[in-house]
């Protein structure tokens, strides 16, 4: 159970032409090294090939050579809030859209999130088993390119959503991300509409007590009698899904999120300095471990080979 909606405007994004091991000798070579767990040689040969002008992506254990042929697709963008996490998704084939396009959204959200009270600047991503349960509603969401923006041990309330979205809009203007004379991804009016929708959601999720009617702008919200808030019920269900291995992983790595907030002079930094400051949190700590442990019954294979992430802190806004 989470608050989820698509942004009003679908985006046009460049996509890579992807060549697998049957179409690219270079991809085949790297795939062989990856499958054999030859991490150092994989990293070394990949670096040599990239110096020669080749580009690659590693998606769910599969290596592809990628080529820019100028092809584009339409990409809906999804905004979601689950408990203490705000997430931005791209509803498109994983890793096929250009990273620079995705980073325009990720960076705008990261810049905006710094303005949220009780925000976190980084988070432990770790294995899919823990990650999906803590930050997603189901495994399919982890199969989309996305990025998370966390709170410091508190739920995302309406004020936090408002601050995050207003910061997102402000950042687009600062970075000159415009299309057709207005903000490229989200206008202030659209952000306010999302904020108001979340306030209604939050009111329903947190209501406890006698039935009542609440007037919210031009809408009347009917709240049934509840002895326990829906949000409380949802949290209890989420906690039961963590396995002993999930709990061990979290206990062993949660200290890596600390200090949760460390950027104290945000307003005095240049855009380039801000990019560096938020860099570590842009992809999540331990992302390279994603497929080393899956949720029970996962549709994804378990991959024990751990190599550097292709998109590691490469934001270029």
Protein backbone atom coordinates (compact mmCIF):
# COMPACT_ATOMS: atom_id res chain seq x y z
CA UNK A 1 0.00 0.00 0.00
CA UNK A 2 1.55 3.25 -1.12
CA UNK A 3 0.68 6.58 -2.69
CA UNK A 4 1.42 6.31 -6.40
CA UNK A 5 0.65 8.42 -9.46
CA UNK A 6 2.11 9.25 -12.87
CA UNK A 7 3.21 12.78 -13.73
CA UNK A 8 0.78 14.53 -16.10
CA UNK A 9 3.26 14.72 -18.99
CA UNK A 10 5.00 11.80 -20.69
CA UNK A 11 8.65 12.48 -21.60
CA UNK A 12 10.60 11.77 -24.78
CA UNK A 13 13.90 10.05 -24.02
CA UNK A 14 16.81 8.72 -26.03
CA UNK A 15 17.38 4.97 -25.76
CA UNK A 16 20.40 2.82 -26.42
CA UNK A 17 20.67 0.21 -29.14
CA UNK A 18 21.65 -2.82 -27.05
CA UNK A 19 23.80 -5.65 -28.46
CA UNK A 20 23.98 -8.89 -26.49
CA UNK A 21 26.67 -11.55 -26.60
CA UNK A 22 25.29 -13.03 -29.81
CA UNK A 23 25.70 -9.67 -31.58
CA UNK A 24 28.83 -8.25 -29.97
CA UNK A 25 32.12 -10.06 -29.43
CA UNK A 26 33.05 -7.51 -26.78
CA UNK A 27 29.83 -8.09 -24.83
CA UNK A 28 30.32 -11.85 -25.16
CA UNK A 29 33.83 -11.60 -23.73
CA UNK A 30 32.71 -9.55 -20.74
CA UNK A 31 29.73 -11.86 -20.18
CA UNK A 32 32.06 -14.87 -20.01
CA UNK A 33 34.28 -13.15 -17.43
CA UNK A 34 31.25 -12.07 -15.42
CA UNK A 35 29.68 -15.54 -15.44
CA UNK A 36 32.95 -17.05 -14.23
CA UNK A 37 33.19 -14.54 -11.40
CA UNK A 38 36.48 -13.16 -12.71
CA UNK A 39 35.81 -9.70 -11.26
CA UNK A 40 39.23 -8.09 -11.61
CA UNK A 41 39.69 -9.21 -15.19
CA UNK A 42 36.15 -8.13 -16.03
CA UNK A 43 36.78 -4.64 -14.67
CA UNK A 44 40.19 -4.40 -16.38
CA UNK A 45 39.05 -5.54 -19.83
CA UNK A 46 35.90 -3.43 -19.65
CA UNK A 47 38.01 -0.35 -18.90
CA UNK A 48 40.30 -1.11 -21.85
CA UNK A 49 37.33 -1.51 -24.20
CA UNK A 50 35.79 1.74 -22.97
CA UNK A 51 39.05 3.55 -23.69
CA UNK A 52 38.66 2.36 -27.28
CA UNK A 53 35.19 3.92 -27.48
CA UNK A 54 32.97 0.98 -26.53
CA UNK A 55 30.13 1.43 -24.02
CA UNK A 56 28.38 -1.25 -21.99
CA UNK A 57 25.60 -1.78 -19.49
CA UNK A 58 25.13 -4.59 -17.00
CA UNK A 59 21.47 -5.28 -16.28
CA UNK A 60 20.34 -8.14 -14.04
CA UNK A 61 23.52 -10.10 -14.76
CA UNK A 62 23.43 -9.57 -18.53
CA UNK A 63 26.14 -7.56 -20.32
CA UNK A 64 25.20 -5.54 -23.40
CA UNK A 65 27.19 -3.25 -25.65
CA UNK A 66 25.24 -0.02 -26.06
CA UNK A 67 25.23 2.28 -29.10
CA UNK A 68 23.49 5.63 -29.51
CA UNK A 69 21.59 5.62 -32.79
CA UNK A 70 19.36 8.58 -31.91
CA UNK A 71 16.26 6.45 -31.25
CA UNK A 72 13.69 7.79 -28.76
CA UNK A 73 10.69 6.43 -26.87
CA UNK A 74 7.91 7.90 -24.75
CA UNK A 75 8.56 7.45 -21.02
CA UNK A 76 5.93 8.00 -18.29
CA UNK A 77 7.40 9.02 -14.93
CA UNK A 78 5.91 7.77 -11.66
CA UNK A 79 6.01 9.42 -8.22
CA UNK A 80 5.53 7.23 -5.16
CA UNK A 81 5.57 7.51 -1.38
CA UNK A 82 5.86 4.44 0.85
CA UNK A 83 6.30 4.97 4.59
CA UNK A 84 9.62 6.84 4.95
CA UNK A 85 10.61 6.74 1.26
CA UNK A 86 9.86 8.93 -1.77
CA UNK A 87 10.65 7.26 -5.11
CA UNK A 88 10.80 8.45 -8.72
CA UNK A 89 10.36 5.75 -11.40
CA UNK A 90 10.82 5.59 -15.16
CA UNK A 91 8.19 3.33 -16.73
CA UNK A 92 10.48 2.06 -19.50
CA UNK A 93 12.73 -0.94 -20.22
CA UNK A 94 15.43 -1.04 -17.55
CA UNK A 95 18.72 0.72 -18.37
CA UNK A 96 17.71 1.44 -21.97
CA UNK A 97 17.07 5.15 -21.51
CA UNK A 98 20.15 7.36 -21.32
CA UNK A 99 21.52 7.93 -17.84
CA UNK A 100 21.84 11.67 -18.43
CA UNK A 101 18.07 11.88 -19.02
CA UNK A 102 17.31 9.98 -15.82
CA UNK A 103 19.77 12.09 -13.87
CA UNK A 104 17.82 15.23 -14.72
CA UNK A 105 14.98 13.82 -12.60
CA UNK A 106 17.20 12.20 -9.97
CA UNK A 107 19.26 15.35 -9.50
CA UNK A 108 16.21 17.62 -9.34
CA UNK A 109 14.67 15.33 -6.72
CA UNK A 110 17.92 15.13 -4.74
CA UNK A 111 18.41 18.90 -4.76
CA UNK A 112 14.79 19.36 -3.75
CA UNK A 113 14.95 16.73 -1.03
CA UNK A 114 17.71 18.61 0.80
CA UNK A 115 15.05 21.21 1.63
CA UNK A 116 12.81 18.65 3.37
CA UNK A 117 12.74 18.66 7.17
CA UNK A 118 14.19 15.41 8.61
CA UNK A 119 15.50 14.25 5.23
CA UNK A 120 18.28 11.71 4.67
CA UNK A 121 20.97 12.35 2.06
CA UNK A 122 21.87 8.70 1.51
CA UNK A 123 20.49 5.23 2.14
CA UNK A 124 21.50 1.60 2.34
CA UNK A 125 20.27 -0.04 -0.88
CA UNK A 126 21.82 -3.48 -0.45
CA UNK A 127 20.29 -6.72 -1.68
CA UNK A 128 16.99 -6.97 -3.49
CA UNK A 129 15.61 -9.06 -0.65
CA UNK A 130 15.87 -6.22 1.85
CA UNK A 131 15.50 -3.37 -0.62
CA UNK A 132 12.18 -4.49 -2.11
CA UNK A 133 10.60 -4.97 1.31
CA UNK A 134 11.77 -1.67 2.75
CA UNK A 135 11.19 0.66 -0.20
CA UNK A 136 8.86 -0.97 -2.75
CA UNK A 137 5.35 -2.36 -2.92
CA UNK A 138 6.40 -5.37 -5.04
CA UNK A 139 9.37 -6.81 -6.90
CA UNK A 140 8.25 -5.54 -10.30
CA UNK A 141 9.02 -1.97 -9.22
CA UNK A 142 12.68 -2.85 -8.69
CA UNK A 143 12.78 -3.84 -12.38
CA UNK A 144 12.33 -0.19 -13.37
CA UNK A 145 15.01 2.48 -13.23
CA UNK A 146 14.30 4.47 -10.10
CA UNK A 147 15.83 6.36 -7.22
CA UNK A 148 14.84 6.77 -3.58
CA UNK A 149 14.77 9.77 -1.26
CA UNK A 150 14.57 8.82 2.40
CA UNK A 151 13.43 10.39 5.64
CA UNK A 152 15.30 10.16 8.94
CA UNK A 153 13.25 7.46 10.72
CA UNK A 154 9.93 9.26 10.22
CA UNK A 155 7.10 8.74 7.75
CA UNK A 156 6.74 11.03 4.76
CA UNK A 157 3.99 13.40 5.84
CA UNK A 158 2.20 16.02 3.68
CA UNK A 159 4.67 18.75 4.65
CA UNK A 160 7.59 16.61 3.46
CA UNK A 161 5.91 15.89 0.11
CA UNK A 162 5.17 19.60 -0.36
CA UNK A 163 8.78 20.58 0.44
CA UNK A 164 10.19 17.85 -1.81
CA UNK A 165 8.03 18.76 -4.80
CA UNK A 166 8.49 22.52 -4.42
CA UNK A 167 12.24 21.92 -4.19
CA UNK A 168 12.03 19.79 -7.34
CA UNK A 169 10.28 22.59 -9.24
CA UNK A 170 12.73 25.19 -7.97
CA UNK A 171 15.70 23.03 -9.02
CA UNK A 172 14.36 22.62 -12.56
CA UNK A 173 14.31 26.40 -12.86
CA UNK A 174 17.81 26.74 -11.42
CA UNK A 175 19.16 24.10 -13.81
CA UNK A 176 17.17 25.56 -16.72
CA UNK A 177 15.28 22.33 -17.37
CA UNK A 178 12.47 23.69 -19.53
CA UNK A 179 10.42 22.34 -22.41
CA UNK A 180 7.95 24.39 -24.40
CA UNK A 181 8.36 27.37 -22.08
CA UNK A 182 7.57 25.54 -18.83
CA UNK A 183 9.36 23.27 -16.41
CA UNK A 184 10.34 20.06 -18.19
CA UNK A 185 9.01 17.45 -15.77
CA UNK A 186 6.76 19.15 -13.25
CA UNK A 187 5.23 22.63 -13.02
CA UNK A 188 4.41 24.32 -9.73
CA UNK A 189 0.67 23.89 -10.40
CA UNK A 190 1.13 20.17 -11.04
CA UNK A 191 3.30 19.83 -7.93
CA UNK A 192 0.61 21.48 -5.80
CA UNK A 193 -2.01 19.10 -7.20
CA UNK A 194 0.14 16.10 -6.26
CA UNK A 195 0.76 17.58 -2.82
CA UNK A 196 -2.96 18.04 -2.23
CA UNK A 197 -3.70 14.49 -3.41
CA UNK A 198 -1.12 13.17 -0.95
CA UNK A 199 -2.66 15.17 1.89
CA UNK A 200 -5.99 13.43 1.22
CA UNK A 201 -4.24 10.03 1.12
CA UNK A 202 -2.40 10.79 4.36
CA UNK A 203 -5.62 11.90 6.09
CA UNK A 204 -7.29 8.62 5.20
CA UNK A 205 -4.28 6.50 6.16
CA UNK A 206 -3.74 8.11 9.57
CA UNK A 207 -7.36 8.55 10.68
CA UNK A 208 -8.31 6.81 13.91
CA UNK A 209 -11.44 7.32 16.03
CA UNK A 210 -15.10 8.03 15.27
CA UNK A 211 -16.43 8.46 11.74
CA UNK A 212 -16.31 12.04 10.52
CA UNK A 213 -16.36 14.27 7.47
CA UNK A 214 -13.36 16.47 6.71
CA UNK A 215 -13.53 19.46 4.36
CA UNK A 216 -10.35 19.74 2.26
CA UNK A 217 -10.51 22.70 -0.10
CA UNK A 218 -13.41 21.92 -2.44
CA UNK A 219 -13.72 18.26 -1.39
CA UNK A 220 -15.42 16.49 1.47
CA UNK A 221 -13.56 13.43 2.71
CA UNK A 222 -15.60 10.76 4.50
CA UNK A 223 -13.59 8.96 7.18
CA UNK A 224 -15.10 5.76 8.62
CA UNK A 225 -14.76 4.80 12.28
CA UNK A 226 -11.41 3.11 12.91
CA UNK A 227 -9.87 1.68 16.04
CA UNK A 228 -6.49 1.51 14.34
CA UNK A 229 -5.04 3.62 11.55
CA UNK A 230 -4.51 1.97 8.16
CA UNK A 231 -0.91 3.19 8.27
CA UNK A 232 -0.32 1.32 11.54
CA UNK A 233 -1.76 -1.87 10.05
CA UNK A 234 0.44 -1.54 6.99
CA UNK A 235 3.59 -1.07 9.04
CA UNK A 236 2.87 -4.18 11.04
CA UNK A 237 2.42 -6.21 7.86
CA UNK A 238 5.66 -4.86 6.41
CA UNK A 239 7.70 -5.79 9.47
CA UNK A 240 6.53 -9.41 9.33
CA UNK A 241 7.92 -9.83 5.82
CA UNK A 242 11.57 -9.29 6.83
CA UNK A 243 13.55 -12.52 7.01
CA UNK A 244 16.33 -13.14 9.57
CA UNK A 245 18.84 -12.57 6.75
CA UNK A 246 17.21 -9.21 5.96
CA UNK A 247 17.46 -8.13 9.59
CA UNK A 248 21.11 -9.17 9.79
CA UNK A 249 21.95 -7.27 6.60
CA UNK A 250 20.26 -4.14 7.93
CA UNK A 251 21.92 -4.30 11.36
CA UNK A 252 25.34 -4.81 9.78
CA UNK A 253 25.02 -1.92 7.34
CA UNK A 254 22.63 0.71 8.71
CA UNK A 255 25.54 2.67 10.20
CA UNK A 256 26.66 3.47 6.64
CA UNK A 257 23.73 5.87 6.31
CA UNK A 258 25.22 7.99 9.10
CA UNK A 259 25.43 10.87 9.36
CA UNK A 260 21.99 10.96 7.77
CA UNK A 261 22.27 14.72 7.24
CA UNK A 262 25.65 16.33 6.67
CA UNK A 263 25.24 19.11 4.07
CA UNK A 264 24.91 22.21 6.22
CA UNK A 265 25.87 25.00 3.81
CA UNK A 266 23.64 24.02 0.88
CA UNK A 267 22.64 27.56 -0.08
CA UNK A 268 26.24 28.71 -0.50
CA UNK A 269 27.33 25.86 -2.81
CA UNK A 270 27.58 26.10 -6.59
CA UNK A 271 25.61 23.66 -8.75
CA UNK A 272 28.77 21.62 -9.33
CA UNK A 273 29.52 21.53 -5.60
CA UNK A 274 25.95 20.42 -4.88
CA UNK A 275 26.31 17.57 -7.36
CA UNK A 276 29.40 16.37 -5.53
CA UNK A 277 27.73 16.77 -2.14
CA UNK A 278 24.75 14.57 -3.02
CA UNK A 279 26.80 12.14 -5.13
CA UNK A 280 26.98 9.24 -2.70
CA UNK A 281 23.27 9.21 -2.07
CA UNK A 282 22.30 9.33 -5.73
CA UNK A 283 22.43 5.58 -6.25
CA UNK A 284 22.16 4.06 -2.80
CA UNK A 285 24.94 2.38 -0.82
CA UNK A 286 25.61 -1.27 -1.63
CA UNK A 287 23.75 -1.19 -4.96
CA UNK A 288 26.24 -3.64 -6.44
CA UNK A 289 24.87 -6.31 -4.06
CA UNK A 290 21.36 -6.09 -5.53
CA UNK A 291 21.12 -9.52 -7.12
CA UNK A 292 23.25 -11.44 -4.62
CA UNK A 293 20.10 -12.17 -2.58
CA UNK A 294 16.54 -12.11 -3.92
CA UNK A 295 13.14 -12.25 -2.26
CA UNK A 296 11.62 -15.70 -1.89
CA UNK A 297 10.11 -16.86 -5.18
CA UNK A 298 11.82 -14.07 -7.14
CA UNK A 299 11.63 -13.99 -10.92
CA UNK A 300 15.24 -12.76 -10.98
CA UNK A 301 18.24 -15.04 -10.81
CA UNK A 302 20.71 -14.82 -7.95
CA UNK A 303 24.02 -13.37 -9.15
CA UNK A 304 27.02 -13.75 -6.84
CA UNK A 305 29.51 -11.84 -9.02
CA UNK A 306 29.91 -8.28 -7.72
CA UNK A 307 31.36 -5.61 -10.04
CA UNK A 308 31.22 -1.82 -10.14
CA UNK A 309 27.91 -0.26 -11.10
CA UNK A 310 27.92 1.24 -14.59
CA UNK A 311 25.96 4.32 -13.50
CA UNK A 312 27.77 4.92 -10.22
CA UNK A 313 27.53 8.62 -9.33
CA UNK A 314 27.62 9.89 -12.88
CA UNK A 315 25.13 12.72 -12.68
CA UNK A 316 25.71 15.43 -15.28
CA UNK A 317 22.93 17.98 -15.04
